[in-house]
Amino acid sequence: MGMPEKLREIVDEFASAPRDVVLEMLLEYADALPPLPERFAGHAGMEQVPECQTPFFLHAEVGPDARVSAWFDCPPESPTTRAFAGILATGLAGATADEVLAVPDDLYQRMGLAAAISPLRVRGGSAILARLKRQVREQTSGARGGD
């Protein structure tokens, strides 16, 4: 079981793109981040990712069918961080818990983003992914009887 096919396509697209195009692609994903449902108003029930320089919040839920739903919030003034969220939202849409957990921790390095943005931003993106995977892991280990 590997990462979801849609996310793999995004990774490959970024990895093969010239640096100037990568920055444009990031902006597109920043704009693609869906709005939060009303139930998350004021970030209720969401976890803050303190490793990000920008206020960033996320929440993941694993449904009875093992599909993961994830929500992200970040200010519009932080397009790079919003892009990380947009990439995950798009690439993980409809993914199972096992697929989310199979996403490599060095996802953003594989995408070639270290050549286009600062290492601090890449670390923030990696922290977002790590917290998302931790939330999924906690929910699935409880559903499997703690294995």
N, C-alpha and C. Protein backbone atom coordinates (compact mmCIF):
# COMPACT_ATOMS: atom_id res chain seq x y z
N MET A 1 0.86 -1.18 0.00
CA MET A 1 0.00 0.00 0.00
C MET A 1 0.90 1.24 0.00
N GLY A 2 0.75 2.05 -1.00
CA GLY A 2 1.52 3.29 -1.09
C GLY A 2 0.63 4.49 -0.88
N MET A 3 1.22 5.65 -1.12
CA MET A 3 0.41 6.87 -0.97
C MET A 3 -0.65 6.90 -2.08
N PRO A 4 -1.71 7.67 -1.88
CA PRO A 4 -2.78 7.74 -2.87
C PRO A 4 -2.25 8.19 -4.24
N GLU A 5 -2.86 7.66 -5.30
CA GLU A 5 -2.42 7.96 -6.66
C GLU A 5 -2.46 9.45 -6.97
N LYS A 6 -3.51 10.13 -6.52
CA LYS A 6 -3.62 11.58 -6.79
C LYS A 6 -2.45 12.33 -6.16
N LEU A 7 -2.07 11.97 -4.95
CA LEU A 7 -0.94 12.64 -4.30
C LEU A 7 0.36 12.31 -5.03
N ARG A 8 0.51 11.07 -5.48
CA ARG A 8 1.70 10.68 -6.24
C ARG A 8 1.81 11.52 -7.52
N GLU A 9 0.69 11.76 -8.18
CA GLU A 9 0.69 12.59 -9.39
C GLU A 9 1.14 14.02 -9.08
N ILE A 10 0.66 14.56 -7.95
CA ILE A 10 1.05 15.91 -7.56
C ILE A 10 2.55 15.96 -7.28
N VAL A 11 3.06 14.98 -6.55
CA VAL A 11 4.49 14.91 -6.24
C VAL A 11 5.30 14.89 -7.53
N ASP A 12 4.91 14.03 -8.47
CA ASP A 12 5.65 13.91 -9.73
C ASP A 12 5.59 15.21 -10.54
N GLU A 13 4.43 15.85 -10.53
CA GLU A 13 4.26 17.10 -11.26
C GLU A 13 5.19 18.18 -10.71
N PHE A 14 5.25 18.30 -9.40
CA PHE A 14 6.13 19.29 -8.79
C PHE A 14 7.60 18.94 -9.02
N ALA A 15 7.94 17.67 -8.85
CA ALA A 15 9.34 17.25 -8.97
C ALA A 15 9.91 17.50 -10.36
N SER A 16 9.06 17.47 -11.37
CA SER A 16 9.54 17.64 -12.74
C SER A 16 9.38 19.07 -13.26
N ALA A 17 8.81 19.96 -12.48
CA ALA A 17 8.54 21.33 -12.93
C ALA A 17 9.75 22.24 -12.70
N PRO A 18 9.97 23.21 -13.60
CA PRO A 18 11.01 24.21 -13.37
C PRO A 18 10.66 25.06 -12.14
N ARG A 19 11.69 25.62 -11.50
CA ARG A 19 11.50 26.36 -10.25
C ARG A 19 10.46 27.47 -10.38
N ASP A 20 10.48 28.26 -11.45
CA ASP A 20 9.52 29.36 -11.57
C ASP A 20 8.09 28.85 -11.69
N VAL A 21 7.91 27.68 -12.29
CA VAL A 21 6.58 27.10 -12.42
C VAL A 21 6.12 26.53 -11.07
N VAL A 22 7.07 26.02 -10.29
CA VAL A 22 6.74 25.47 -8.96
C VAL A 22 6.07 26.55 -8.10
N LEU A 23 6.59 27.75 -8.13
CA LEU A 23 6.00 28.83 -7.33
C LEU A 23 4.58 29.14 -7.79
N GLU A 24 4.34 29.12 -9.09
CA GLU A 24 2.98 29.33 -9.60
C GLU A 24 2.06 28.19 -9.17
N MET A 25 2.57 26.97 -9.22
CA MET A 25 1.78 25.81 -8.82
C MET A 25 1.41 25.88 -7.34
N LEU A 26 2.35 26.33 -6.52
CA LEU A 26 2.05 26.48 -5.09
C LEU A 26 0.90 27.46 -4.88
N LEU A 27 0.91 28.57 -5.62
CA LEU A 27 -0.17 29.55 -5.48
C LEU A 27 -1.52 28.96 -5.88
N GLU A 28 -1.51 28.11 -6.90
CA GLU A 28 -2.77 27.46 -7.31
C GLU A 28 -3.31 26.58 -6.19
N TYR A 29 -2.43 25.83 -5.53
CA TYR A 29 -2.89 24.98 -4.43
C TYR A 29 -3.31 25.79 -3.23
N ALA A 30 -2.68 26.94 -3.01
CA ALA A 30 -3.09 27.81 -1.91
C ALA A 30 -4.53 28.29 -2.14
N ASP A 31 -4.86 28.59 -3.38
CA ASP A 31 -6.21 29.04 -3.72
C ASP A 31 -7.23 27.91 -3.69
N ALA A 32 -6.75 26.66 -3.77
CA ALA A 32 -7.65 25.50 -3.84
C ALA A 32 -8.10 25.00 -2.48
N LEU A 33 -7.56 25.58 -1.41
CA LEU A 33 -7.92 25.11 -0.07
C LEU A 33 -9.39 25.42 0.21
N PRO A 34 -10.19 24.37 0.46
CA PRO A 34 -11.62 24.61 0.69
C PRO A 34 -11.87 25.32 2.02
N PRO A 35 -12.97 26.07 2.10
CA PRO A 35 -13.30 26.76 3.36
C PRO A 35 -13.66 25.75 4.45
N LEU A 36 -13.48 26.18 5.69
CA LEU A 36 -13.81 25.32 6.83
C LEU A 36 -15.32 25.22 7.02
N PRO A 37 -15.80 24.04 7.41
CA PRO A 37 -17.21 23.93 7.80
C PRO A 37 -17.47 24.78 9.05
N GLU A 38 -18.69 25.20 9.23
CA GLU A 38 -19.07 26.06 10.34
C GLU A 38 -18.71 25.44 11.69
N ARG A 39 -18.73 24.13 11.80
CA ARG A 39 -18.47 23.49 13.10
C ARG A 39 -17.05 23.74 13.61
N PHE A 40 -16.16 24.22 12.72
CA PHE A 40 -14.79 24.53 13.13
C PHE A 40 -14.58 26.03 13.35
N ALA A 41 -15.65 26.78 13.47
CA ALA A 41 -15.54 28.23 13.71
C ALA A 41 -14.68 28.47 14.94
N GLY A 42 -13.77 29.40 14.83
CA GLY A 42 -12.86 29.70 15.93
C GLY A 42 -11.87 28.58 16.20
N HIS A 43 -11.72 27.68 15.24
CA HIS A 43 -10.81 26.53 15.30
C HIS A 43 -11.20 25.52 16.37
N ALA A 44 -12.50 25.49 16.72
CA ALA A 44 -13.00 24.52 17.69
C ALA A 44 -12.70 23.11 17.21
N GLY A 45 -12.08 22.31 18.07
CA GLY A 45 -11.79 20.92 17.74
C GLY A 45 -10.61 20.72 16.81
N MET A 46 -9.90 21.79 16.51
CA MET A 46 -8.76 21.68 15.60
C MET A 46 -7.46 21.77 16.41
N GLU A 47 -6.41 21.19 15.87
CA GLU A 47 -5.10 21.22 16.50
C GLU A 47 -4.23 22.26 15.82
N GLN A 48 -3.57 23.09 16.61
CA GLN A 48 -2.63 24.06 16.03
C GLN A 48 -1.30 23.37 15.78
N VAL A 49 -0.64 23.78 14.70
CA VAL A 49 0.68 23.26 14.36
C VAL A 49 1.68 24.36 14.70
N PRO A 50 2.28 24.31 15.90
CA PRO A 50 3.15 25.40 16.35
C PRO A 50 4.46 25.50 15.57
N GLU A 51 4.84 24.44 14.86
CA GLU A 51 6.07 24.50 14.07
C GLU A 51 5.95 25.46 12.89
N CYS A 52 4.73 25.77 12.49
CA CYS A 52 4.52 26.70 11.38
C CYS A 52 4.68 28.13 11.89
N GLN A 53 5.31 28.97 11.08
CA GLN A 53 5.48 30.37 11.44
C GLN A 53 4.13 31.09 11.44
N THR A 54 3.21 30.56 10.70
CA THR A 54 1.87 31.12 10.52
C THR A 54 0.89 30.34 11.38
N PRO A 55 -0.16 30.97 11.92
CA PRO A 55 -1.17 30.19 12.63
C PRO A 55 -1.80 29.16 11.69
N PHE A 56 -1.61 27.90 11.99
CA PHE A 56 -2.10 26.82 11.14
C PHE A 56 -2.82 25.81 12.02
N PHE A 57 -4.01 25.40 11.56
CA PHE A 57 -4.84 24.47 12.32
C PHE A 57 -5.28 23.33 11.41
N LEU A 58 -5.42 22.13 12.00
CA LEU A 58 -5.90 20.99 11.22
C LEU A 58 -6.74 20.07 12.09
N HIS A 59 -7.55 19.28 11.41
CA HIS A 59 -8.37 18.27 12.07
C HIS A 59 -8.59 17.14 11.08
N ALA A 60 -8.35 15.91 11.54
CA ALA A 60 -8.59 14.73 10.71
C ALA A 60 -9.59 13.82 11.40
N GLU A 61 -10.43 13.20 10.59
CA GLU A 61 -11.39 12.22 11.10
C GLU A 61 -11.33 10.99 10.22
N VAL A 62 -11.29 9.83 10.87
CA VAL A 62 -11.33 8.56 10.15
C VAL A 62 -12.74 8.02 10.29
N GLY A 63 -13.41 7.86 9.14
CA GLY A 63 -14.78 7.37 9.15
C GLY A 63 -14.87 5.87 9.34
N PRO A 64 -16.08 5.34 9.48
CA PRO A 64 -16.27 3.89 9.66
C PRO A 64 -15.76 3.08 8.46
N ASP A 65 -15.68 3.72 7.30
CA ASP A 65 -15.16 3.05 6.10
C ASP A 65 -13.65 3.20 5.96
N ALA A 66 -13.00 3.73 7.02
CA ALA A 66 -11.55 3.96 7.07
C ALA A 66 -11.09 5.09 6.16
N ARG A 67 -12.03 5.84 5.58
CA ARG A 67 -11.66 7.00 4.76
C ARG A 67 -11.38 8.18 5.68
N VAL A 68 -10.38 8.96 5.30
CA VAL A 68 -9.97 10.11 6.11
C VAL A 68 -10.55 11.39 5.53
N SER A 69 -11.11 12.19 6.39
CA SER A 69 -11.53 13.55 6.04
C SER A 69 -10.61 14.47 6.82
N ALA A 70 -10.04 15.45 6.13
CA ALA A 70 -9.12 16.38 6.79
C ALA A 70 -9.51 17.81 6.46
N TRP A 71 -9.41 18.66 7.46
CA TRP A 71 -9.69 20.08 7.30
C TRP A 71 -8.48 20.87 7.76
N PHE A 72 -8.21 21.95 7.06
CA PHE A 72 -7.04 22.78 7.33
C PHE A 72 -7.46 24.24 7.33
N ASP A 73 -6.80 25.04 8.16
CA ASP A 73 -7.05 26.48 8.13
C ASP A 73 -5.74 27.23 8.34
N CYS A 74 -5.59 28.24 7.51
CA CYS A 74 -4.39 29.06 7.51
C CYS A 74 -4.76 30.39 6.85
N PRO A 75 -4.20 31.50 7.32
CA PRO A 75 -4.58 32.80 6.75
C PRO A 75 -4.20 32.92 5.26
N PRO A 76 -5.01 33.64 4.50
CA PRO A 76 -4.71 33.86 3.07
C PRO A 76 -3.37 34.56 2.85
N GLU A 77 -2.90 35.29 3.87
CA GLU A 77 -1.63 36.01 3.73
C GLU A 77 -0.42 35.08 3.79
N SER A 78 -0.65 33.80 3.93
CA SER A 78 0.43 32.80 4.02
C SER A 78 0.29 31.78 2.90
N PRO A 79 0.54 32.20 1.66
CA PRO A 79 0.26 31.31 0.53
C PRO A 79 1.07 30.01 0.52
N THR A 80 2.31 30.04 0.97
CA THR A 80 3.10 28.80 0.95
C THR A 80 2.51 27.77 1.91
N THR A 81 2.19 28.20 3.10
CA THR A 81 1.62 27.28 4.08
C THR A 81 0.24 26.81 3.64
N ARG A 82 -0.54 27.71 3.07
CA ARG A 82 -1.86 27.31 2.52
C ARG A 82 -1.67 26.31 1.39
N ALA A 83 -0.60 26.46 0.62
CA ALA A 83 -0.34 25.53 -0.47
C ALA A 83 -0.09 24.12 0.06
N PHE A 84 0.66 24.00 1.17
CA PHE A 84 0.88 22.68 1.77
C PHE A 84 -0.47 22.03 2.09
N ALA A 85 -1.35 22.82 2.69
CA ALA A 85 -2.67 22.31 3.04
C ALA A 85 -3.47 21.96 1.79
N GLY A 86 -3.41 22.81 0.77
CA GLY A 86 -4.13 22.54 -0.47
C GLY A 86 -3.63 21.27 -1.16
N ILE A 87 -2.34 21.04 -1.11
CA ILE A 87 -1.76 19.83 -1.70
C ILE A 87 -2.29 18.60 -0.95
N LEU A 88 -2.28 18.66 0.37
CA LEU A 88 -2.78 17.52 1.14
C LEU A 88 -4.28 17.34 0.95
N ALA A 89 -5.04 18.43 0.95
CA ALA A 89 -6.48 18.33 0.77
C ALA A 89 -6.82 17.70 -0.58
N THR A 90 -6.12 18.11 -1.62
CA THR A 90 -6.38 17.58 -2.96
C THR A 90 -5.85 16.16 -3.10
N GLY A 91 -4.62 15.94 -2.68
CA GLY A 91 -3.97 14.65 -2.87
C GLY A 91 -4.50 13.54 -2.00
N LEU A 92 -5.10 13.89 -0.86
CA LEU A 92 -5.61 12.87 0.06
C LEU A 92 -7.13 12.74 0.03
N ALA A 93 -7.79 13.48 -0.83
CA ALA A 93 -9.26 13.40 -0.92
C ALA A 93 -9.68 11.96 -1.21
N GLY A 94 -10.49 11.41 -0.34
CA GLY A 94 -10.99 10.05 -0.51
C GLY A 94 -10.02 8.97 -0.07
N ALA A 95 -8.88 9.34 0.48
CA ALA A 95 -7.87 8.36 0.87
C ALA A 95 -8.28 7.59 2.13
N THR A 96 -7.78 6.38 2.22
CA THR A 96 -8.00 5.58 3.44
C THR A 96 -6.94 5.94 4.47
N ALA A 97 -7.18 5.52 5.70
CA ALA A 97 -6.21 5.76 6.77
C ALA A 97 -4.86 5.13 6.41
N ASP A 98 -4.87 3.92 5.88
CA ASP A 98 -3.61 3.27 5.51
C ASP A 98 -2.86 4.06 4.44
N GLU A 99 -3.59 4.63 3.48
CA GLU A 99 -2.93 5.43 2.44
C GLU A 99 -2.33 6.71 3.03
N VAL A 100 -3.05 7.34 3.93
CA VAL A 100 -2.53 8.56 4.57
C VAL A 100 -1.26 8.22 5.36
N LEU A 101 -1.30 7.13 6.10
CA LEU A 101 -0.14 6.74 6.90
C LEU A 101 1.05 6.31 6.04
N ALA A 102 0.78 5.94 4.78
CA ALA A 102 1.85 5.53 3.87
C ALA A 102 2.53 6.71 3.18
N VAL A 103 2.01 7.92 3.37
CA VAL A 103 2.63 9.09 2.75
C VAL A 103 4.02 9.25 3.36
N PRO A 104 5.05 9.36 2.52
CA PRO A 104 6.41 9.49 3.07
C PRO A 104 6.58 10.79 3.84
N ASP A 105 7.31 10.71 4.95
CA ASP A 105 7.52 11.88 5.79
C ASP A 105 8.28 12.99 5.07
N ASP A 106 9.06 12.62 4.07
CA ASP A 106 9.83 13.61 3.31
C ASP A 106 9.11 14.03 2.03
N LEU A 107 7.78 14.04 2.09
CA LEU A 107 6.94 14.35 0.93
C LEU A 107 7.38 15.62 0.21
N TYR A 108 7.59 16.70 0.97
CA TYR A 108 7.89 17.99 0.34
C TYR A 108 9.29 18.02 -0.26
N GLN A 109 10.21 17.26 0.31
CA GLN A 109 11.54 17.15 -0.30
C GLN A 109 11.43 16.39 -1.62
N ARG A 110 10.62 15.33 -1.65
CA ARG A 110 10.42 14.55 -2.88
C ARG A 110 9.81 15.41 -3.98
N MET A 111 9.05 16.41 -3.58
CA MET A 111 8.42 17.30 -4.55
C MET A 111 9.41 18.31 -5.10
N GLY A 112 10.59 18.40 -4.49
CA GLY A 112 11.60 19.35 -4.94
C GLY A 112 11.38 20.75 -4.39
N LEU A 113 10.59 20.87 -3.35
CA LEU A 113 10.27 22.21 -2.84
C LEU A 113 11.45 22.86 -2.12
N ALA A 114 12.40 22.07 -1.65
CA ALA A 114 13.55 22.65 -0.95
C ALA A 114 14.35 23.58 -1.85
N ALA A 115 14.25 23.39 -3.16
CA ALA A 115 14.96 24.27 -4.11
C ALA A 115 14.18 25.55 -4.39
N ALA A 116 12.91 25.58 -4.00
CA ALA A 116 12.07 26.73 -4.34
C ALA A 116 11.68 27.59 -3.14
N ILE A 117 11.66 26.98 -1.96
CA ILE A 117 11.24 27.73 -0.76
C ILE A 117 12.23 27.46 0.37
N SER A 118 12.11 28.22 1.44
CA SER A 118 13.08 28.12 2.54
C SER A 118 12.95 26.79 3.29
N PRO A 119 14.06 26.32 3.87
CA PRO A 119 14.01 25.10 4.67
C PRO A 119 13.04 25.21 5.84
N LEU A 120 12.89 26.41 6.40
CA LEU A 120 11.96 26.61 7.50
C LEU A 120 10.53 26.32 7.05
N ARG A 121 10.17 26.75 5.86
CA ARG A 121 8.82 26.48 5.31
C ARG A 121 8.64 24.98 5.06
N VAL A 122 9.67 24.33 4.52
CA VAL A 122 9.58 22.89 4.27
C VAL A 122 9.38 22.15 5.59
N ARG A 123 10.09 22.55 6.63
CA ARG A 123 9.92 21.92 7.95
C ARG A 123 8.50 22.13 8.47
N GLY A 124 7.94 23.31 8.24
CA GLY A 124 6.56 23.55 8.65
C GLY A 124 5.60 22.62 7.93
N GLY A 125 5.80 22.45 6.62
CA GLY A 125 4.96 21.53 5.85
C GLY A 125 5.09 20.11 6.35
N SER A 126 6.30 19.72 6.70
CA SER A 126 6.53 18.37 7.23
C SER A 126 5.83 18.19 8.57
N ALA A 127 5.81 19.24 9.39
CA ALA A 127 5.12 19.18 10.68
C ALA A 127 3.62 19.03 10.49
N ILE A 128 3.07 19.69 9.48
CA ILE A 128 1.64 19.55 9.18
C ILE A 128 1.33 18.09 8.86
N LEU A 129 2.13 17.51 7.98
CA LEU A 129 1.92 16.11 7.59
C LEU A 129 2.07 15.19 8.81
N ALA A 130 3.07 15.43 9.63
CA ALA A 130 3.30 14.58 10.80
C ALA A 130 2.12 14.62 11.76
N ARG A 131 1.57 15.80 11.99
CA ARG A 131 0.42 15.92 12.91
C ARG A 131 -0.83 15.28 12.31
N LEU A 132 -1.01 15.43 11.00
CA LEU A 132 -2.14 14.78 10.33
C LEU A 132 -2.04 13.27 10.49
N LYS A 133 -0.86 12.73 10.22
CA LYS A 133 -0.66 11.28 10.33
C LYS A 133 -0.84 10.82 11.78
N ARG A 134 -0.38 11.61 12.75
CA ARG A 134 -0.55 11.23 14.16
C ARG A 134 -2.04 11.15 14.51
N GLN A 135 -2.83 12.15 14.06
CA GLN A 135 -4.26 12.11 14.35
C GLN A 135 -4.90 10.87 13.75
N VAL A 136 -4.53 10.54 12.53
CA VAL A 136 -5.08 9.35 11.87
C VAL A 136 -4.65 8.09 12.61
N ARG A 137 -3.37 8.02 12.97
CA ARG A 137 -2.84 6.86 13.67
C ARG A 137 -3.56 6.66 15.01
N GLU A 138 -3.78 7.74 15.75
CA GLU A 138 -4.46 7.64 17.04
C GLU A 138 -5.88 7.10 16.88
N GLN A 139 -6.57 7.54 15.85
CA GLN A 139 -7.94 7.09 15.64
C GLN A 139 -7.99 5.65 15.15
N THR A 140 -7.05 5.26 14.33
CA THR A 140 -7.08 3.89 13.81
C THR A 140 -6.56 2.89 14.84
N SER A 141 -5.63 3.27 15.68
CA SER A 141 -5.14 2.33 16.69
C SER A 141 -6.23 2.07 17.72
N GLY A 142 -7.05 3.09 18.01
CA GLY A 142 -8.17 2.89 18.92
C GLY A 142 -9.23 1.99 18.31
N ALA A 143 -9.47 2.14 17.00
CA ALA A 143 -10.48 1.33 16.32
C ALA A 143 -10.02 -0.11 16.15
N ARG A 144 -8.71 -0.33 16.15
CA ARG A 144 -8.18 -1.68 15.97
C ARG A 144 -7.89 -2.35 17.31
N GLY A 145 -8.32 -1.71 18.38
CA GLY A 145 -8.09 -2.30 19.70
C GLY A 145 -6.70 -1.99 20.22
N GLY A 146 -6.08 -0.90 19.72
CA GLY A 146 -4.81 -0.48 20.25
C GLY A 146 -3.61 -1.21 19.72
N ASP A 147 -3.75 -1.87 18.56
CA ASP A 147 -2.58 -2.60 18.06
C ASP A 147 -1.55 -1.75 17.43
